[in-house]
Amino acid sequence: PGPPPKPEPLSLLQSVLRRSAVERRVALAALSRLHPMELRSVSAFDRPRLEEEHCACVDALLQEPGAADLGGGLGDEGRRAELLRLCLVCRWNAFASGLFLHQSIFNHAPSRRANADKAALRAGGTLTSVVRATRHIAQGQEVLICYAQPAELTPAACSRHLDHFDFTSEAERHSEWDAPPRSASEAGAAEADELTLTLEAGAREAVRRAARAGPGGGVDEAACAAVLRELVRELGERHLAVARVRRELLAAIRLQLEESGAPPSAPSLLALLESALELWRTQRALLGPLHPNCAESLHEVGASIGGLLGRAPP
């Protein structure tokens, strides 16, 4: 699995520069607090490459009427420098879906040490971005979120995601959660990480296909189980890559059931129940029992049990 898609700074910044003067000043003030706050914080080694990569974008943005407000009176050179900084703000803080100013002011910590998480909640057709506490946060304590999602990422997968944000995270390894594959026990760390990523990506794709490969386009529970058995054999039951594939399986089965509109079969409910329960066990150990992800997985467990009980004869 690779990093999230790179955002497109041009459309984001055009939308800012085309706002009214008051809205533009408010938006630019908010962007001034995001990394990099000054171009001098960008390494001299990287800056020529970044200037070349964003040259066309800066040229286009200079034609926007709102660009005249930039640069602190330093003319075109100052405006170009500020537009380059804004391009980097978008590149290093934005997602493909946009730039979330609220979430961007929180610093990163690995999922095992973060005390809050970011989430997108949908209600009544509206998608809201929120930051939720996942454990007690004392007064004056910094609120930290994990930039890499989902929380069940191996150190290698997390590192790939964090390249998007212009920094690397310390690899927190745990013998049970991110051990090397059995078939690569003698390999070096980099080679073992690459094999783990390949195994995970293949398994995620396989369960997505299996969720639609059964009779009538339904879930092929046997194929899903076979994929998980093989991955568990290589990595172990509690491995983070296995947890992420279970998350993928839950989402794929749920999507297939929603699209079909048919009542879930008993085998589908059992597949949901097993994956949700095993995912919850890993999440509880990794994130703590109060984390919202644990609650979401327990909800899946309860819904699966309820569906099975509803199919029982009176």
C-alpha atoms as a PDB file:
ATOM      1  CA  PRO A   1       0.000   0.000   0.000  1.00  0.00           C
ATOM      2  CA  GLY A   2       1.359   3.353  -1.020  1.00  0.00           C
ATOM      3  CA  PRO A   3       1.006   6.814   0.465  1.00  0.00           C
ATOM      4  CA  PRO A   4      -2.181   8.822   0.031  1.00  0.00           C
ATOM      5  CA  PRO A   5      -2.612  10.668  -3.265  1.00  0.00           C
ATOM      6  CA  LYS A   6      -0.679  13.917  -3.536  1.00  0.00           C
ATOM      7  CA  PRO A   7      -2.975  16.944  -3.342  1.00  0.00           C
ATOM      8  CA  GLU A   8      -3.214  19.459  -6.184  1.00  0.00           C
ATOM      9  CA  PRO A   9      -2.193  22.876  -4.783  1.00  0.00           C
ATOM     10  CA  LEU A  10      -3.424  24.901  -7.786  1.00  0.00           C
ATOM     11  CA  SER A  11      -7.157  24.344  -7.362  1.00  0.00           C
ATOM     12  CA  LEU A  12      -6.976  24.682  -3.570  1.00  0.00           C
ATOM     13  CA  LEU A  13      -5.094  27.980  -3.688  1.00  0.00           C
ATOM     14  CA  GLN A  14      -7.195  29.370  -6.522  1.00  0.00           C
ATOM     15  CA  SER A  15     -10.255  28.817  -4.359  1.00  0.00           C
ATOM     16  CA  VAL A  16      -8.565  30.846  -1.594  1.00  0.00           C
ATOM     17  CA  LEU A  17      -7.341  33.696  -3.791  1.00  0.00           C
ATOM     18  CA  ARG A  18     -10.741  34.068  -5.497  1.00  0.00           C
ATOM     19  CA  ARG A  19     -12.614  34.659  -2.254  1.00  0.00           C
ATOM     20  CA  SER A  20     -13.720  38.056  -1.031  1.00  0.00           C
ATOM     21  CA  ALA A  21     -11.012  40.235   0.515  1.00  0.00           C
ATOM     22  CA  VAL A  22     -12.161  39.489   4.073  1.00  0.00           C
ATOM     23  CA  GLU A  23     -12.482  35.714   3.525  1.00  0.00           C
ATOM     24  CA  ARG A  24      -9.132  35.656   1.732  1.00  0.00           C
ATOM     25  CA  ARG A  25      -7.342  37.387   4.638  1.00  0.00           C
ATOM     26  CA  VAL A  26      -8.878  34.938   7.132  1.00  0.00           C
ATOM     27  CA  ALA A  27      -7.908  31.910   5.033  1.00  0.00           C
ATOM     28  CA  LEU A  28      -4.353  33.159   4.436  1.00  0.00           C
ATOM     29  CA  ALA A  29      -3.938  33.883   8.150  1.00  0.00           C
ATOM     30  CA  ALA A  30      -4.940  30.290   8.912  1.00  0.00           C
ATOM     31  CA  LEU A  31      -2.511  28.954   6.284  1.00  0.00           C
ATOM     32  CA  SER A  32       0.290  31.031   7.809  1.00  0.00           C
ATOM     33  CA  ARG A  33       0.243  28.770  10.878  1.00  0.00           C
ATOM     34  CA  LEU A  34       0.835  25.558   8.926  1.00  0.00           C
ATOM     35  CA  HIS A  35       4.152  23.915   8.033  1.00  0.00           C
ATOM     36  CA  PRO A  36       6.279  25.370   6.517  1.00  0.00           C
ATOM     37  CA  MET A  37       5.615  28.719   8.191  1.00  0.00           C
ATOM     38  CA  GLU A  38       8.748  30.136   6.538  1.00  0.00           C
ATOM     39  CA  LEU A  39      10.608  29.062   3.412  1.00  0.00           C
ATOM     40  CA  ARG A  40      13.916  29.229   5.282  1.00  0.00           C
ATOM     41  CA  SER A  41      12.770  26.146   7.222  1.00  0.00           C
ATOM     42  CA  VAL A  42      12.940  24.183   3.945  1.00  0.00           C
ATOM     43  CA  SER A  43      16.359  22.641   3.422  1.00  0.00           C
ATOM     44  CA  ALA A  44      18.642  24.411   0.933  1.00  0.00           C
ATOM     45  CA  PHE A  45      19.177  21.014  -0.712  1.00  0.00           C
ATOM     46  CA  ASP A  46      15.463  20.473  -1.433  1.00  0.00           C
ATOM     47  CA  ARG A  47      14.400  24.015  -2.293  1.00  0.00           C
ATOM     48  CA  PRO A  48      15.614  24.147  -5.947  1.00  0.00           C
ATOM     49  CA  ARG A  49      13.793  20.888  -6.698  1.00  0.00           C
ATOM     50  CA  LEU A  50      10.595  22.119  -5.011  1.00  0.00           C
ATOM     51  CA  GLU A  51      10.779  25.458  -6.854  1.00  0.00           C
ATOM     52  CA  GLU A  52      11.054  23.611 -10.175  1.00  0.00           C
ATOM     53  CA  GLU A  53       8.187  21.223  -9.312  1.00  0.00           C
ATOM     54  CA  HIS A  54       5.831  24.087  -8.404  1.00  0.00           C
ATOM     55  CA  CYS A  55       7.009  26.692 -10.931  1.00  0.00           C
ATOM     56  CA  ALA A  56       3.993  26.280 -13.256  1.00  0.00           C
ATOM     57  CA  CYS A  57       1.576  26.416 -10.323  1.00  0.00           C
ATOM     58  CA  VAL A  58       3.179  29.598  -8.960  1.00  0.00           C
ATOM     59  CA  ASP A  59       3.074  31.185 -12.442  1.00  0.00           C
ATOM     60  CA  ALA A  60      -0.655  30.446 -12.733  1.00  0.00           C
ATOM     61  CA  LEU A  61      -1.415  31.722  -9.232  1.00  0.00           C
ATOM     62  CA  LEU A  62       0.425  34.995  -9.887  1.00  0.00           C
ATOM     63  CA  GLN A  63      -2.309  35.801 -12.437  1.00  0.00           C
ATOM     64  CA  GLU A  64      -5.013  35.663  -9.751  1.00  0.00           C
ATOM     65  CA  PRO A  65      -6.161  39.117  -8.576  1.00  0.00           C
ATOM     66  CA  GLY A  66      -5.924  38.005  -4.950  1.00  0.00           C
ATOM     67  CA  ALA A  67      -2.192  37.312  -5.355  1.00  0.00           C
ATOM     68  CA  ALA A  68      -1.535  41.064  -5.224  1.00  0.00           C
ATOM     69  CA  ASP A  69      -2.065  40.917  -1.430  1.00  0.00           C
ATOM     70  CA  LEU A  70       0.861  38.517  -0.950  1.00  0.00           C
ATOM     71  CA  GLY A  71       4.552  39.067  -0.451  1.00  0.00           C
ATOM     72  CA  GLY A  72       4.540  41.789   2.207  1.00  0.00           C
ATOM     73  CA  GLY A  73       5.289  44.551  -0.289  1.00  0.00           C
ATOM     74  CA  LEU A  74       8.348  42.762  -1.704  1.00  0.00           C
ATOM     75  CA  GLY A  75       7.033  42.717  -5.285  1.00  0.00           C
ATOM     76  CA  ASP A  76       6.904  39.709  -7.593  1.00  0.00           C
ATOM     77  CA  GLU A  77       9.844  38.008  -5.864  1.00  0.00           C
ATOM     78  CA  GLY A  78       8.091  38.168  -2.492  1.00  0.00           C
ATOM     79  CA  ARG A  79       4.799  36.992  -4.006  1.00  0.00           C
ATOM     80  CA  ARG A  80       6.512  34.053  -5.725  1.00  0.00           C
ATOM     81  CA  ALA A  81       8.187  33.041  -2.455  1.00  0.00           C
ATOM     82  CA  GLU A  82       4.886  33.191  -0.542  1.00  0.00           C
ATOM     83  CA  LEU A  83       3.041  31.265  -3.263  1.00  0.00           C
ATOM     84  CA  LEU A  84       5.730  28.577  -3.185  1.00  0.00           C
ATOM     85  CA  ARG A  85       5.302  28.350   0.591  1.00  0.00           C
ATOM     86  CA  LEU A  86       1.532  28.010   0.141  1.00  0.00           C
ATOM     87  CA  CYS A  87       2.063  25.254  -2.441  1.00  0.00           C
ATOM     88  CA  LEU A  88       4.191  23.373   0.103  1.00  0.00           C
ATOM     89  CA  VAL A  89       1.561  23.951   2.806  1.00  0.00           C
ATOM     90  CA  CYS A  90      -0.971  22.210   0.559  1.00  0.00           C
ATOM     91  CA  ARG A  91       1.443  19.461  -0.433  1.00  0.00           C
ATOM     92  CA  TRP A  92       2.456  18.616   3.124  1.00  0.00           C
ATOM     93  CA  ASN A  93      -0.824  19.198   4.966  1.00  0.00           C
ATOM     94  CA  ALA A  94      -3.616  18.442   2.507  1.00  0.00           C
ATOM     95  CA  PHE A  95      -5.356  15.257   1.473  1.00  0.00           C
ATOM     96  CA  ALA A  96      -6.866  14.424  -1.915  1.00  0.00           C
ATOM     97  CA  SER A  97     -10.207  15.555  -0.459  1.00  0.00           C
ATOM     98  CA  GLY A  98      -8.922  18.969   0.641  1.00  0.00           C
ATOM     99  CA  LEU A  99      -7.058  20.847   3.352  1.00  0.00           C
ATOM    100  CA  PHE A 100      -8.396  20.476   6.900  1.00  0.00           C
ATOM    101  CA  LEU A 101      -7.183  23.502   8.843  1.00  0.00           C
ATOM    102  CA  HIS A 102      -8.363  22.187  12.215  1.00  0.00           C
ATOM    103  CA  GLN A 103      -6.625  18.815  11.959  1.00  0.00           C
ATOM    104  CA  SER A 104      -3.452  20.317  10.495  1.00  0.00           C
ATOM    105  CA  ILE A 105      -2.561  22.188  13.705  1.00  0.00           C
ATOM    106  CA  PHE A 106      -2.250  18.947  15.697  1.00  0.00           C
ATOM    107  CA  ASN A 107       1.166  17.303  15.862  1.00  0.00           C
ATOM    108  CA  HIS A 108       1.791  13.664  15.005  1.00  0.00           C
ATOM    109  CA  ALA A 109       2.526  10.699  17.247  1.00  0.00           C
ATOM    110  CA  PRO A 110       2.542   6.983  16.398  1.00  0.00           C
ATOM    111  CA  SER A 111      -0.877   5.405  16.948  1.00  0.00           C
ATOM    112  CA  ARG A 112       0.299   3.647  20.132  1.00  0.00           C
ATOM    113  CA  ARG A 113       1.211   7.003  21.746  1.00  0.00           C
ATOM    114  CA  ALA A 114      -1.399   9.349  20.241  1.00  0.00           C
ATOM    115  CA  ASN A 115      -4.085  10.525  22.665  1.00  0.00           C
ATOM    116  CA  ALA A 116      -6.606  11.573  20.008  1.00  0.00           C
ATOM    117  CA  ASP A 117      -7.641  10.528  16.532  1.00  0.00           C
ATOM    118  CA  LYS A 118      -9.001  12.214  13.427  1.00  0.00           C
ATOM    119  CA  ALA A 119     -12.153  10.914  11.839  1.00  0.00           C
ATOM    120  CA  ALA A 120     -14.732  11.778   9.203  1.00  0.00           C
ATOM    121  CA  LEU A 121     -18.286  11.332  10.475  1.00  0.00           C
ATOM    122  CA  ARG A 122     -21.262  11.312   8.128  1.00  0.00           C
ATOM    123  CA  ALA A 123     -24.694  12.372   9.358  1.00  0.00           C
ATOM    124  CA  GLY A 124     -27.671  13.398   7.249  1.00  0.00           C
ATOM    125  CA  GLY A 125     -25.593  13.581   4.082  1.00  0.00           C
ATOM    126  CA  THR A 126     -23.019  15.900   5.688  1.00  0.00           C
ATOM    127  CA  LEU A 127     -19.419  14.802   6.180  1.00  0.00           C
ATOM    128  CA  THR A 128     -17.779  16.378   9.236  1.00  0.00           C
ATOM    129  CA  SER A 129     -14.085  16.205  10.110  1.00  0.00           C
ATOM    130  CA  VAL A 130     -13.531  15.774  13.854  1.00  0.00           C
ATOM    131  CA  VAL A 131     -10.714  15.165  16.335  1.00  0.00           C
ATOM    132  CA  ARG A 132     -11.688  12.850  19.209  1.00  0.00           C
ATOM    133  CA  ALA A 133      -9.869  12.112  22.458  1.00  0.00           C
ATOM    134  CA  THR A 134      -8.930   8.443  22.799  1.00  0.00           C
ATOM    135  CA  ARG A 135      -7.712   8.588  26.394  1.00  0.00           C
ATOM    136  CA  HIS A 136      -7.619  11.040  29.288  1.00  0.00           C
ATOM    137  CA  ILE A 137      -5.777  14.270  28.368  1.00  0.00           C
ATOM    138  CA  ALA A 138      -4.587  16.360  31.295  1.00  0.00           C
ATOM    139  CA  GLN A 139      -4.796  20.126  31.316  1.00  0.00           C
ATOM    140  CA  GLY A 140      -1.768  21.545  29.515  1.00  0.00           C
ATOM    141  CA  GLN A 141      -0.915  18.218  27.850  1.00  0.00           C
ATOM    142  CA  GLU A 142      -0.374  18.332  24.093  1.00  0.00           C
ATOM    143  CA  VAL A 143      -3.055  16.697  21.963  1.00  0.00           C
ATOM    144  CA  LEU A 144      -1.428  14.330  19.458  1.00  0.00           C
ATOM    145  CA  ILE A 145      -2.980  12.504  16.526  1.00  0.00           C
ATOM    146  CA  CYS A 146      -1.567   9.850  14.213  1.00  0.00           C
ATOM    147  CA  TYR A 147      -1.354  11.219  10.675  1.00  0.00           C
ATOM    148  CA  ALA A 148      -1.224   7.732   9.159  1.00  0.00           C
ATOM    149  CA  GLN A 149      -4.557   5.994   8.868  1.00  0.00           C
ATOM    150  CA  PRO A 150      -5.880   3.465   9.629  1.00  0.00           C
ATOM    151  CA  ALA A 151      -4.308   2.987  13.045  1.00  0.00           C
ATOM    152  CA  GLU A 152      -3.369  -0.630  12.277  1.00  0.00           C
ATOM    153  CA  LEU A 153      -0.411   0.189  10.043  1.00  0.00           C
ATOM    154  CA  THR A 154       2.910  -1.588  10.208  1.00  0.00           C
ATOM    155  CA  PRO A 155       5.963   0.689  10.680  1.00  0.00           C
ATOM    156  CA  ALA A 156       6.854   0.201   7.006  1.00  0.00           C
ATOM    157  CA  ALA A 157       3.368   1.189   5.801  1.00  0.00           C
ATOM    158  CA  CYS A 158       3.285   4.103   8.234  1.00  0.00           C
ATOM    159  CA  SER A 159       6.620   5.378   6.925  1.00  0.00           C
ATOM    160  CA  ARG A 160       5.314   5.364   3.362  1.00  0.00           C
ATOM    161  CA  HIS A 161       2.243   7.348   4.382  1.00  0.00           C
ATOM    162  CA  LEU A 162       4.269   9.892   6.356  1.00  0.00           C
ATOM    163  CA  ASP A 163       6.540  10.653   3.405  1.00  0.00           C
ATOM    164  CA  HIS A 164       3.511  12.624   2.173  1.00  0.00           C
ATOM    165  CA  PHE A 165       3.832  14.984   5.150  1.00  0.00           C
ATOM    166  CA  ASP A 166       7.566  15.726   4.696  1.00  0.00           C
ATOM    167  CA  PHE A 167       8.834  13.875   7.726  1.00  0.00           C
ATOM    168  CA  THR A 168       9.643  10.405   8.913  1.00  0.00           C
ATOM    169  CA  SER A 169       8.426   8.756  12.085  1.00  0.00           C
ATOM    170  CA  GLU A 170      10.413   6.602  14.419  1.00  0.00           C
ATOM    171  CA  ALA A 171       9.640   2.948  13.797  1.00  0.00           C
ATOM    172  CA  GLU A 172       8.022   1.481  16.887  1.00  0.00           C
ATOM    173  CA  ARG A 173       8.333  -2.251  16.515  1.00  0.00           C
ATOM    174  CA  HIS A 174       6.670  -5.007  18.463  1.00  0.00           C
ATOM    175  CA  SER A 175       7.508  -8.673  18.046  1.00  0.00           C
ATOM    176  CA  GLU A 176       3.870  -9.782  17.789  1.00  0.00           C
ATOM    177  CA  TRP A 177       2.354  -6.883  15.862  1.00  0.00           C
ATOM    178  CA  ASP A 178       4.946  -6.407  13.143  1.00  0.00           C
ATOM    179  CA  ALA A 179       7.244  -9.434  13.068  1.00  0.00           C
ATOM    180  CA  PRO A 180       8.814 -10.280   9.684  1.00  0.00           C
ATOM    181  CA  PRO A 181       7.108 -12.915   7.514  1.00  0.00           C
ATOM    182  CA  ARG A 182       8.084 -16.478   8.342  1.00  0.00           C
ATOM    183  CA  SER A 183       9.329 -16.975   4.798  1.00  0.00           C
ATOM    184  CA  ALA A 184      11.697 -14.006   5.242  1.00  0.00           C
ATOM    185  CA  SER A 185      12.934 -14.681   8.777  1.00  0.00           C
ATOM    186  CA  GLU A 186      16.555 -14.583   7.588  1.00  0.00           C
ATOM    187  CA  ALA A 187      16.135 -11.497   5.390  1.00  0.00           C
ATOM    188  CA  GLY A 188      17.246  -7.983   6.268  1.00  0.00           C
ATOM    189  CA  ALA A 189      14.791  -5.524   7.770  1.00  0.00           C
ATOM    190  CA  ALA A 190      14.196  -3.592   4.533  1.00  0.00           C
ATOM    191  CA  GLU A 191      13.604  -6.762   2.507  1.00  0.00           C
ATOM    192  CA  ALA A 192      11.269  -8.178   5.182  1.00  0.00           C
ATOM    193  CA  ASP A 193       9.301  -4.906   5.308  1.00  0.00           C
ATOM    194  CA  GLU A 194       8.910  -4.912   1.538  1.00  0.00           C
ATOM    195  CA  LEU A 195       7.647  -8.502   1.576  1.00  0.00           C
ATOM    196  CA  THR A 196       5.161  -7.649   4.344  1.00  0.00           C
ATOM    197  CA  LEU A 197       3.821  -4.723   2.305  1.00  0.00           C
ATOM    198  CA  THR A 198       3.499  -6.962  -0.759  1.00  0.00           C
ATOM    199  CA  LEU A 199       1.695  -9.696   1.186  1.00  0.00           C
ATOM    200  CA  GLU A 200      -0.681  -7.168   2.739  1.00  0.00           C
ATOM    201  CA  ALA A 201      -1.483  -5.458  -0.570  1.00  0.00           C
ATOM    202  CA  GLY A 202      -2.147  -8.791  -2.248  1.00  0.00           C
ATOM    203  CA  ALA A 203      -4.386  -9.976   0.577  1.00  0.00           C
ATOM    204  CA  ARG A 204      -6.373  -6.724   0.625  1.00  0.00           C
ATOM    205  CA  GLU A 205      -7.022  -7.000  -3.102  1.00  0.00           C
ATOM    206  CA  ALA A 206      -7.922 -10.689  -2.763  1.00  0.00           C
ATOM    207  CA  VAL A 207     -10.549 -10.105  -0.050  1.00  0.00           C
ATOM    208  CA  ARG A 208     -12.066  -7.263  -2.090  1.00  0.00           C
ATOM    209  CA  ARG A 209     -12.493  -9.673  -4.997  1.00  0.00           C
ATOM    210  CA  ALA A 210     -13.735 -12.489  -2.769  1.00  0.00           C
ATOM    211  CA  ALA A 211     -16.413 -10.213  -1.290  1.00  0.00           C
ATOM    212  CA  ARG A 212     -18.059 -10.247  -4.738  1.00  0.00           C
ATOM    213  CA  ALA A 213     -17.060 -13.698  -6.023  1.00  0.00           C
ATOM    214  CA  GLY A 214     -19.791 -15.798  -4.405  1.00  0.00           C
ATOM    215  CA  PRO A 215     -23.058 -16.968  -5.965  1.00  0.00           C
ATOM    216  CA  GLY A 216     -25.000 -14.088  -7.497  1.00  0.00           C
ATOM    217  CA  GLY A 217     -22.133 -11.673  -6.850  1.00  0.00           C
ATOM    218  CA  GLY A 218     -22.271 -12.284  -3.115  1.00  0.00           C
ATOM    219  CA  VAL A 219     -19.517 -12.982  -0.616  1.00  0.00           C
ATOM    220  CA  ASP A 220     -17.272 -16.003  -1.190  1.00  0.00           C
ATOM    221  CA  GLU A 221     -16.692 -16.739   2.482  1.00  0.00           C
ATOM    222  CA  ALA A 222     -14.421 -19.709   1.774  1.00  0.00           C
ATOM    223  CA  ALA A 223     -12.119 -17.590  -0.394  1.00  0.00           C
ATOM    224  CA  CYS A 224     -11.997 -14.839   2.254  1.00  0.00           C
ATOM    225  CA  ALA A 225     -11.124 -17.383   4.926  1.00  0.00           C
ATOM    226  CA  ALA A 226      -8.388 -18.898   2.732  1.00  0.00           C
ATOM    227  CA  VAL A 227      -6.771 -15.501   2.176  1.00  0.00           C
ATOM    228  CA  LEU A 228      -6.717 -14.782   5.908  1.00  0.00           C
ATOM    229  CA  ARG A 229      -5.400 -18.245   6.792  1.00  0.00           C
ATOM    230  CA  GLU A 230      -2.459 -17.822   4.443  1.00  0.00           C
ATOM    231  CA  LEU A 231      -1.665 -14.353   5.748  1.00  0.00           C
ATOM    232  CA  VAL A 232      -1.920 -15.497   9.383  1.00  0.00           C
ATOM    233  CA  ARG A 233       0.379 -18.416   8.580  1.00  0.00           C
ATOM    234  CA  GLU A 234       3.000 -15.971   7.295  1.00  0.00           C
ATOM    235  CA  LEU A 235       2.613 -13.173   9.848  1.00  0.00           C
ATOM    236  CA  GLY A 236       0.711 -14.381  12.916  1.00  0.00           C
ATOM    237  CA  GLU A 237      -2.820 -13.712  14.195  1.00  0.00           C
ATOM    238  CA  ARG A 238      -2.088 -10.380  15.898  1.00  0.00           C
ATOM    239  CA  HIS A 239       0.049  -8.852  13.145  1.00  0.00           C
ATOM    240  CA  LEU A 240      -0.951  -5.326  12.116  1.00  0.00           C
ATOM    241  CA  ALA A 241      -1.024  -6.287   8.440  1.00  0.00           C
ATOM    242  CA  VAL A 242      -3.547  -9.013   9.261  1.00  0.00           C
ATOM    243  CA  ALA A 243      -5.640  -6.498  11.213  1.00  0.00           C
ATOM    244  CA  ARG A 244      -5.659  -4.141   8.241  1.00  0.00           C
ATOM    245  CA  VAL A 245      -6.780  -6.924   5.899  1.00  0.00           C
ATOM    246  CA  ARG A 246      -9.572  -7.778   8.350  1.00  0.00           C
ATOM    247  CA  ARG A 247     -10.616  -4.116   8.251  1.00  0.00           C
ATOM    248  CA  GLU A 248     -10.609  -4.301   4.435  1.00  0.00           C
ATOM    249  CA  LEU A 249     -12.731  -7.461   4.546  1.00  0.00           C
ATOM    250  CA  LEU A 250     -15.286  -5.864   6.885  1.00  0.00           C
ATOM    251  CA  ALA A 251     -15.624  -2.848   4.592  1.00  0.00           C
ATOM    252  CA  ALA A 252     -15.869  -4.998   1.453  1.00  0.00           C
ATOM    253  CA  ILE A 253     -18.564  -7.272   2.885  1.00  0.00           C
ATOM    254  CA  ARG A 254     -20.543  -4.327   4.254  1.00  0.00           C
ATOM    255  CA  LEU A 255     -20.368  -2.551   0.883  1.00  0.00           C
ATOM    256  CA  GLN A 256     -21.442  -5.655  -0.995  1.00  0.00           C
ATOM    257  CA  LEU A 257     -24.396  -6.203   1.343  1.00  0.00           C
ATOM    258  CA  GLU A 258     -25.496  -2.558   1.087  1.00  0.00           C
ATOM    259  CA  GLU A 259     -25.341  -2.603  -2.701  1.00  0.00           C
ATOM    260  CA  SER A 260     -27.176  -5.906  -3.042  1.00  0.00           C
ATOM    261  CA  GLY A 261     -29.975  -4.928  -0.654  1.00  0.00           C
ATOM    262  CA  ALA A 262     -30.422  -8.619   0.215  1.00  0.00           C
ATOM    263  CA  PRO A 263     -30.456  -9.878   3.831  1.00  0.00           C
ATOM    264  CA  PRO A 264     -26.973 -11.142   4.769  1.00  0.00           C
ATOM    265  CA  SER A 265     -26.515 -14.893   4.762  1.00  0.00           C
ATOM    266  CA  ALA A 266     -25.417 -16.765   7.867  1.00  0.00           C
ATOM    267  CA  PRO A 267     -21.914 -17.428   6.381  1.00  0.00           C
ATOM    268  CA  SER A 268     -21.532 -13.713   5.596  1.00  0.00           C
ATOM    269  CA  LEU A 269     -22.551 -12.794   9.137  1.00  0.00           C
ATOM    270  CA  LEU A 270     -20.090 -15.329  10.542  1.00  0.00           C
ATOM    271  CA  ALA A 271     -17.302 -13.870   8.382  1.00  0.00           C
ATOM    272  CA  LEU A 272     -18.195 -10.393   9.660  1.00  0.00           C
ATOM    273  CA  LEU A 273     -18.287 -11.606  13.254  1.00  0.00           C
ATOM    274  CA  GLU A 274     -14.933 -13.390  13.133  1.00  0.00           C
ATOM    275  CA  SER A 275     -13.103 -10.515  11.431  1.00  0.00           C
ATOM    276  CA  ALA A 276     -14.648  -7.834  13.677  1.00  0.00           C
ATOM    277  CA  LEU A 277     -13.844  -9.785  16.839  1.00  0.00           C
ATOM    278  CA  GLU A 278     -10.223 -10.455  15.857  1.00  0.00           C
ATOM    279  CA  LEU A 279      -9.787  -6.844  14.707  1.00  0.00           C
ATOM    280  CA  TRP A 280     -11.148  -5.606  18.048  1.00  0.00           C
ATOM    281  CA  ARG A 281      -8.698  -7.813  19.974  1.00  0.00           C
ATOM    282  CA  THR A 282      -5.744  -6.310  18.113  1.00  0.00           C
ATOM    283  CA  GLN A 283      -7.103  -2.754  18.401  1.00  0.00           C
ATOM    284  CA  ARG A 284      -7.699  -3.132  22.137  1.00  0.00           C
ATOM    285  CA  ALA A 285      -4.087  -4.162  22.726  1.00  0.00           C
ATOM    286  CA  LEU A 286      -2.695  -1.570  20.292  1.00  0.00           C
ATOM    287  CA  LEU A 287      -4.856   1.466  21.033  1.00  0.00           C
ATOM    288  CA  GLY A 288      -6.431   0.865  24.438  1.00  0.00           C
ATOM    289  CA  PRO A 289     -10.022  -0.142  25.251  1.00  0.00           C
ATOM    290  CA  LEU A 290     -11.424   3.416  25.070  1.00  0.00           C
ATOM    291  CA  HIS A 291     -10.370   4.135  21.486  1.00  0.00           C
ATOM    292  CA  PRO A 292     -13.301   4.859  19.110  1.00  0.00           C
ATOM    293  CA  ASN A 293     -11.980   2.241  16.662  1.00  0.00           C
ATOM    294  CA  CYS A 294     -12.579  -0.409  19.335  1.00  0.00           C
ATOM    295  CA  ALA A 295     -16.157   0.792  19.740  1.00  0.00           C
ATOM    296  CA  GLU A 296     -16.715   0.640  15.985  1.00  0.00           C
ATOM    297  CA  SER A 297     -15.429  -2.945  15.800  1.00  0.00           C
ATOM    298  CA  LEU A 298     -17.560  -3.971  18.792  1.00  0.00           C
ATOM    299  CA  HIS A 299     -20.570  -2.465  17.026  1.00  0.00           C
ATOM    300  CA  GLU A 300     -19.816  -4.778  14.080  1.00  0.00           C
ATOM    301  CA  VAL A 301     -19.579  -7.697  16.496  1.00  0.00           C
ATOM    302  CA  GLY A 302     -22.951  -6.838  18.026  1.00  0.00           C
ATOM    303  CA  ALA A 303     -24.615  -6.297  14.656  1.00  0.00           C
ATOM    304  CA  SER A 304     -23.331  -9.651  13.390  1.00  0.00           C
ATOM    305  CA  ILE A 305     -24.537 -11.495  16.490  1.00  0.00           C
ATOM    306  CA  GLY A 306     -27.905  -9.740  16.217  1.00  0.00           C
ATOM    307  CA  GLY A 307     -28.206 -10.791  12.585  1.00  0.00           C
ATOM    308  CA  LEU A 308     -27.395 -14.409  13.431  1.00  0.00           C
ATOM    309  CA  LEU A 309     -29.913 -14.447  16.283  1.00  0.00           C
ATOM    310  CA  GLY A 310     -32.525 -12.979  13.951  1.00  0.00           C
ATOM    311  CA  ARG A 311     -32.062 -15.951  11.624  1.00  0.00           C
ATOM    312  CA  ALA A 312     -32.490 -18.509  14.378  1.00  0.00           C
ATOM    313  CA  PRO A 313     -35.749 -20.483  14.339  1.00  0.00           C
ATOM    314  CA  PRO A 314     -38.313 -19.421  16.968  1.00  0.00           C
END
